[in-house]
Amino acid sequence: MMIELPKPIADYIAANARLDLDGMVQPFAPDAVVFDAGIGKQFEGQVELRTLFQEEVIPVKAIFTPDAVRHENGKVVVEGPAHGDFSSSPLRFTYTFTLEGDAIKALEITL
């Protein structure tokens, strides 16, 4: 199922599908913040985001495949399963994006 996503989110999702580290970091603002509830940590800035993706996403080939999107309180909420080489795969996630201009300013990842 094709869903329409704002460009920075679509770019992030496409890069994640390729496990492209540089492509995953690029759509985020330099001072973006990501909170991953699954590991209980917050990451700030592109350097920390690169570390997050390099250590938690790429090694287990975690690929998020959105199947639903909605807009809530100025945020873009995207839901779908993530498949990969990790226990309980696939897991269903909710990604709540805050956009600023043409960049992702914040992302909260919850189960």
N, C-alpha and C. Protein backbone atom coordinates (compact mmCIF):
# COMPACT_ATOMS: atom_id res chain seq x y z
N MET A 1 0.84 -1.18 0.00
CA MET A 1 0.00 0.00 0.00
C MET A 1 0.89 1.24 0.00
N MET A 2 0.63 2.14 -0.92
CA MET A 2 1.38 3.39 -1.01
C MET A 2 0.69 4.44 -0.16
N ILE A 3 1.47 5.09 0.69
CA ILE A 3 0.93 6.21 1.45
C ILE A 3 1.77 7.44 1.11
N GLU A 4 1.14 8.59 1.16
CA GLU A 4 1.83 9.83 0.82
C GLU A 4 2.43 10.43 2.09
N LEU A 5 3.73 10.67 2.03
CA LEU A 5 4.46 11.22 3.18
C LEU A 5 5.16 12.52 2.77
N PRO A 6 5.31 13.46 3.71
CA PRO A 6 6.12 14.64 3.41
C PRO A 6 7.53 14.22 2.99
N LYS A 7 8.16 15.01 2.12
CA LYS A 7 9.44 14.64 1.53
C LYS A 7 10.51 14.21 2.54
N PRO A 8 10.77 14.96 3.63
CA PRO A 8 11.84 14.50 4.52
C PRO A 8 11.55 13.13 5.15
N ILE A 9 10.29 12.88 5.44
CA ILE A 9 9.93 11.58 6.02
C ILE A 9 10.06 10.49 4.95
N ALA A 10 9.58 10.76 3.76
CA ALA A 10 9.70 9.79 2.66
C ALA A 10 11.17 9.49 2.37
N ASP A 11 12.02 10.52 2.41
CA ASP A 11 13.45 10.31 2.18
C ASP A 11 14.06 9.42 3.26
N TYR A 12 13.68 9.66 4.52
CA TYR A 12 14.18 8.84 5.63
C TYR A 12 13.73 7.38 5.47
N ILE A 13 12.45 7.18 5.18
CA ILE A 13 11.90 5.83 5.02
C ILE A 13 12.60 5.10 3.87
N ALA A 14 12.80 5.79 2.74
CA ALA A 14 13.47 5.17 1.59
C ALA A 14 14.91 4.80 1.93
N ALA A 15 15.62 5.67 2.63
CA ALA A 15 17.00 5.37 3.01
C ALA A 15 17.05 4.20 3.99
N ASN A 16 16.08 4.15 4.92
CA ASN A 16 16.01 3.04 5.86
C ASN A 16 15.80 1.73 5.13
N ALA A 17 14.96 1.73 4.11
CA ALA A 17 14.70 0.51 3.34
C ALA A 17 15.97 -0.01 2.66
N ARG A 18 16.90 0.92 2.35
CA ARG A 18 18.17 0.54 1.73
C ARG A 18 19.27 0.32 2.77
N LEU A 19 18.95 0.58 4.05
CA LEU A 19 19.93 0.58 5.14
C LEU A 19 21.10 1.50 4.80
N ASP A 20 20.75 2.67 4.27
CA ASP A 20 21.70 3.69 3.83
C ASP A 20 21.90 4.68 4.98
N LEU A 21 22.99 4.54 5.70
CA LEU A 21 23.24 5.34 6.89
C LEU A 21 23.24 6.84 6.60
N ASP A 22 23.99 7.27 5.59
CA ASP A 22 24.04 8.70 5.26
C ASP A 22 22.66 9.21 4.86
N GLY A 23 21.94 8.42 4.07
CA GLY A 23 20.60 8.81 3.65
C GLY A 23 19.61 8.89 4.79
N MET A 24 19.80 8.07 5.82
CA MET A 24 18.91 8.11 6.98
C MET A 24 19.13 9.37 7.80
N VAL A 25 20.38 9.81 7.89
CA VAL A 25 20.71 10.99 8.71
C VAL A 25 20.33 12.29 7.99
N GLN A 26 20.50 12.32 6.68
CA GLN A 26 20.37 13.55 5.88
C GLN A 26 19.05 14.30 6.08
N PRO A 27 17.88 13.65 6.18
CA PRO A 27 16.62 14.42 6.30
C PRO A 27 16.43 15.11 7.65
N PHE A 28 17.29 14.83 8.61
CA PHE A 28 17.14 15.41 9.95
C PHE A 28 17.85 16.76 10.03
N ALA A 29 17.25 17.68 10.76
CA ALA A 29 17.88 18.97 11.04
C ALA A 29 19.16 18.73 11.84
N PRO A 30 20.13 19.62 11.73
CA PRO A 30 21.39 19.44 12.47
C PRO A 30 21.19 19.27 13.98
N ASP A 31 20.15 19.90 14.54
CA ASP A 31 19.90 19.82 15.98
C ASP A 31 18.67 18.96 16.31
N ALA A 32 18.33 18.04 15.42
CA ALA A 32 17.16 17.19 15.62
C ALA A 32 17.30 16.33 16.88
N VAL A 33 16.14 15.96 17.43
CA VAL A 33 16.09 15.10 18.61
C VAL A 33 15.26 13.87 18.28
N VAL A 34 15.79 12.69 18.63
CA VAL A 34 15.05 11.44 18.46
C VAL A 34 14.97 10.76 19.81
N PHE A 35 13.74 10.39 20.20
CA PHE A 35 13.55 9.59 21.42
C PHE A 35 13.06 8.22 20.98
N ASP A 36 13.81 7.20 21.34
CA ASP A 36 13.45 5.81 21.02
C ASP A 36 12.99 5.15 22.31
N ALA A 37 11.67 5.00 22.45
CA ALA A 37 11.11 4.41 23.67
C ALA A 37 11.53 2.95 23.84
N GLY A 38 11.77 2.26 22.72
CA GLY A 38 12.17 0.86 22.78
C GLY A 38 13.47 0.63 23.52
N ILE A 39 14.39 1.57 23.40
CA ILE A 39 15.66 1.45 24.13
C ILE A 39 15.76 2.48 25.25
N GLY A 40 14.74 3.34 25.35
CA GLY A 40 14.67 4.29 26.45
C GLY A 40 15.73 5.37 26.43
N LYS A 41 16.12 5.81 25.23
CA LYS A 41 17.17 6.82 25.13
C LYS A 41 16.76 7.94 24.17
N GLN A 42 17.33 9.12 24.44
CA GLN A 42 17.15 10.27 23.56
C GLN A 42 18.49 10.57 22.88
N PHE A 43 18.41 10.93 21.61
CA PHE A 43 19.59 11.24 20.82
C PHE A 43 19.42 12.64 20.26
N GLU A 44 20.47 13.45 20.35
CA GLU A 44 20.38 14.85 19.91
C GLU A 44 21.47 15.15 18.89
N GLY A 45 21.08 15.72 17.77
CA GLY A 45 22.02 16.11 16.74
C GLY A 45 22.36 14.97 15.80
N GLN A 46 22.84 15.34 14.61
CA GLN A 46 23.11 14.34 13.58
C GLN A 46 24.20 13.35 13.96
N VAL A 47 25.17 13.76 14.77
CA VAL A 47 26.24 12.83 15.17
C VAL A 47 25.65 11.71 16.02
N GLU A 48 24.81 12.06 17.00
CA GLU A 48 24.19 11.03 17.84
C GLU A 48 23.19 10.19 17.04
N LEU A 49 22.48 10.81 16.08
CA LEU A 49 21.55 10.04 15.25
C LEU A 49 22.30 9.03 14.41
N ARG A 50 23.44 9.44 13.86
CA ARG A 50 24.27 8.51 13.09
C ARG A 50 24.67 7.31 13.97
N THR A 51 25.05 7.58 15.21
CA THR A 51 25.42 6.50 16.13
C THR A 51 24.23 5.58 16.39
N LEU A 52 23.06 6.18 16.64
CA LEU A 52 21.84 5.38 16.85
C LEU A 52 21.59 4.44 15.67
N PHE A 53 21.58 4.99 14.47
CA PHE A 53 21.29 4.17 13.29
C PHE A 53 22.38 3.14 13.05
N GLN A 54 23.62 3.52 13.29
CA GLN A 54 24.76 2.63 13.06
C GLN A 54 24.78 1.48 14.05
N GLU A 55 24.36 1.72 15.29
CA GLU A 55 24.44 0.70 16.34
C GLU A 55 23.13 -0.07 16.54
N GLU A 56 21.99 0.56 16.28
CA GLU A 56 20.71 -0.07 16.61
C GLU A 56 19.88 -0.49 15.40
N VAL A 57 20.11 0.10 14.25
CA VAL A 57 19.28 -0.18 13.08
C VAL A 57 20.01 -1.05 12.06
N ILE A 58 21.16 -0.59 11.61
CA ILE A 58 21.91 -1.27 10.55
C ILE A 58 22.29 -2.71 10.95
N PRO A 59 22.86 -2.95 12.14
CA PRO A 59 23.28 -4.32 12.47
C PRO A 59 22.16 -5.36 12.46
N VAL A 60 20.94 -4.93 12.82
CA VAL A 60 19.83 -5.89 12.87
C VAL A 60 18.92 -5.77 11.65
N LYS A 61 19.35 -4.94 10.69
CA LYS A 61 18.60 -4.76 9.44
C LYS A 61 17.14 -4.40 9.71
N ALA A 62 16.93 -3.47 10.65
CA ALA A 62 15.58 -3.05 11.03
C ALA A 62 15.03 -2.10 9.97
N ILE A 63 14.04 -2.57 9.25
CA ILE A 63 13.43 -1.78 8.18
C ILE A 63 11.97 -1.52 8.53
N PHE A 64 11.65 -0.24 8.63
CA PHE A 64 10.30 0.21 8.97
C PHE A 64 9.50 0.38 7.68
N THR A 65 8.31 -0.22 7.65
CA THR A 65 7.45 -0.16 6.46
C THR A 65 6.12 0.47 6.86
N PRO A 66 5.96 1.76 6.65
CA PRO A 66 4.73 2.41 7.08
C PRO A 66 3.52 1.95 6.29
N ASP A 67 2.40 1.82 7.01
CA ASP A 67 1.15 1.45 6.34
C ASP A 67 -0.01 2.38 6.69
N ALA A 68 0.27 3.39 7.53
CA ALA A 68 -0.76 4.36 7.90
C ALA A 68 -0.10 5.67 8.27
N VAL A 69 -0.77 6.76 7.95
CA VAL A 69 -0.26 8.09 8.31
C VAL A 69 -1.45 8.97 8.69
N ARG A 70 -1.23 9.84 9.66
CA ARG A 70 -2.24 10.82 10.04
C ARG A 70 -1.51 12.05 10.58
N HIS A 71 -2.22 13.15 10.60
CA HIS A 71 -1.67 14.40 11.12
C HIS A 71 -2.38 14.72 12.43
N GLU A 72 -1.59 14.98 13.48
CA GLU A 72 -2.14 15.28 14.81
C GLU A 72 -1.35 16.41 15.45
N ASN A 73 -2.03 17.47 15.82
CA ASN A 73 -1.40 18.56 16.57
C ASN A 73 -0.12 19.06 15.92
N GLY A 74 -0.12 19.21 14.61
CA GLY A 74 1.05 19.71 13.90
C GLY A 74 2.14 18.69 13.68
N LYS A 75 1.88 17.45 14.02
CA LYS A 75 2.87 16.38 13.85
C LYS A 75 2.36 15.38 12.83
N VAL A 76 3.29 14.62 12.26
CA VAL A 76 2.93 13.56 11.31
C VAL A 76 3.17 12.23 12.01
N VAL A 77 2.11 11.46 12.19
CA VAL A 77 2.18 10.18 12.89
C VAL A 77 2.12 9.07 11.85
N VAL A 78 3.16 8.25 11.83
CA VAL A 78 3.29 7.19 10.84
C VAL A 78 3.37 5.86 11.59
N GLU A 79 2.55 4.90 11.18
CA GLU A 79 2.54 3.59 11.84
C GLU A 79 2.86 2.50 10.84
N GLY A 80 3.43 1.42 11.37
CA GLY A 80 3.70 0.27 10.52
C GLY A 80 4.65 -0.71 11.21
N PRO A 81 4.88 -1.84 10.57
CA PRO A 81 5.78 -2.83 11.13
C PRO A 81 7.24 -2.56 10.77
N ALA A 82 8.12 -3.03 11.63
CA ALA A 82 9.55 -3.06 11.33
C ALA A 82 9.97 -4.52 11.35
N HIS A 83 10.67 -4.91 10.30
CA HIS A 83 11.16 -6.27 10.17
C HIS A 83 12.67 -6.23 10.27
N GLY A 84 13.25 -7.30 10.74
CA GLY A 84 14.71 -7.36 10.79
C GLY A 84 15.18 -8.58 11.54
N ASP A 85 16.47 -8.59 11.81
CA ASP A 85 17.10 -9.69 12.54
C ASP A 85 17.12 -9.37 14.03
N PHE A 86 15.94 -9.22 14.64
CA PHE A 86 15.83 -8.95 16.06
C PHE A 86 14.66 -9.76 16.62
N SER A 87 14.70 -10.02 17.93
CA SER A 87 13.65 -10.82 18.54
C SER A 87 12.30 -10.13 18.38
N SER A 88 11.29 -10.92 18.23
CA SER A 88 9.90 -10.46 18.07
C SER A 88 9.63 -9.79 16.72
N SER A 89 10.55 -9.91 15.77
CA SER A 89 10.31 -9.33 14.45
C SER A 89 9.18 -10.08 13.77
N PRO A 90 8.25 -9.39 13.16
CA PRO A 90 8.13 -7.94 13.06
C PRO A 90 7.46 -7.35 14.30
N LEU A 91 7.80 -6.11 14.58
CA LEU A 91 7.17 -5.33 15.64
C LEU A 91 6.47 -4.14 15.01
N ARG A 92 5.34 -3.77 15.57
CA ARG A 92 4.61 -2.61 15.05
C ARG A 92 5.05 -1.36 15.82
N PHE A 93 5.42 -0.32 15.09
CA PHE A 93 5.90 0.91 15.67
C PHE A 93 5.03 2.09 15.28
N THR A 94 5.07 3.12 16.10
CA THR A 94 4.50 4.42 15.77
C THR A 94 5.64 5.42 15.78
N TYR A 95 5.82 6.12 14.67
CA TYR A 95 6.83 7.16 14.53
C TYR A 95 6.09 8.49 14.49
N THR A 96 6.36 9.36 15.45
CA THR A 96 5.75 10.67 15.49
C THR A 96 6.79 11.72 15.12
N PHE A 97 6.62 12.30 13.94
CA PHE A 97 7.58 13.26 13.39
C PHE A 97 7.12 14.69 13.61
N THR A 98 8.07 15.56 13.94
CA THR A 98 7.85 17.00 13.93
C THR A 98 8.75 17.54 12.83
N LEU A 99 8.15 18.26 11.90
CA LEU A 99 8.90 18.83 10.79
C LEU A 99 9.13 20.31 11.01
N GLU A 100 10.25 20.78 10.49
CA GLU A 100 10.55 22.22 10.50
C GLU A 100 11.16 22.53 9.14
N GLY A 101 10.43 23.27 8.33
CA GLY A 101 10.89 23.52 6.97
C GLY A 101 10.97 22.21 6.21
N ASP A 102 12.10 21.95 5.60
CA ASP A 102 12.29 20.72 4.82
C ASP A 102 13.09 19.67 5.59
N ALA A 103 13.00 19.70 6.92
CA ALA A 103 13.79 18.76 7.72
C ALA A 103 12.95 18.17 8.85
N ILE A 104 13.40 17.02 9.32
CA ILE A 104 12.80 16.40 10.50
C ILE A 104 13.46 17.05 11.71
N LYS A 105 12.66 17.67 12.54
CA LYS A 105 13.17 18.36 13.74
C LYS A 105 13.16 17.44 14.95
N ALA A 106 12.15 16.53 15.01
CA ALA A 106 12.05 15.61 16.14
C ALA A 106 11.34 14.35 15.67
N LEU A 107 11.69 13.25 16.33
CA LEU A 107 11.06 11.96 16.07
C LEU A 107 10.94 11.21 17.37
N GLU A 108 9.74 10.74 17.65
CA GLU A 108 9.52 9.85 18.80
C GLU A 108 9.09 8.50 18.27
N ILE A 109 9.82 7.46 18.67
CA ILE A 109 9.54 6.10 18.22
C ILE A 109 8.98 5.32 19.40
N THR A 110 7.74 4.79 19.23
CA THR A 110 7.11 4.02 20.30
C THR A 110 6.56 2.71 19.73
N LEU A 111 6.40 1.75 20.62
CA LEU A 111 5.81 0.45 20.24
C LEU A 111 4.31 0.53 20.35
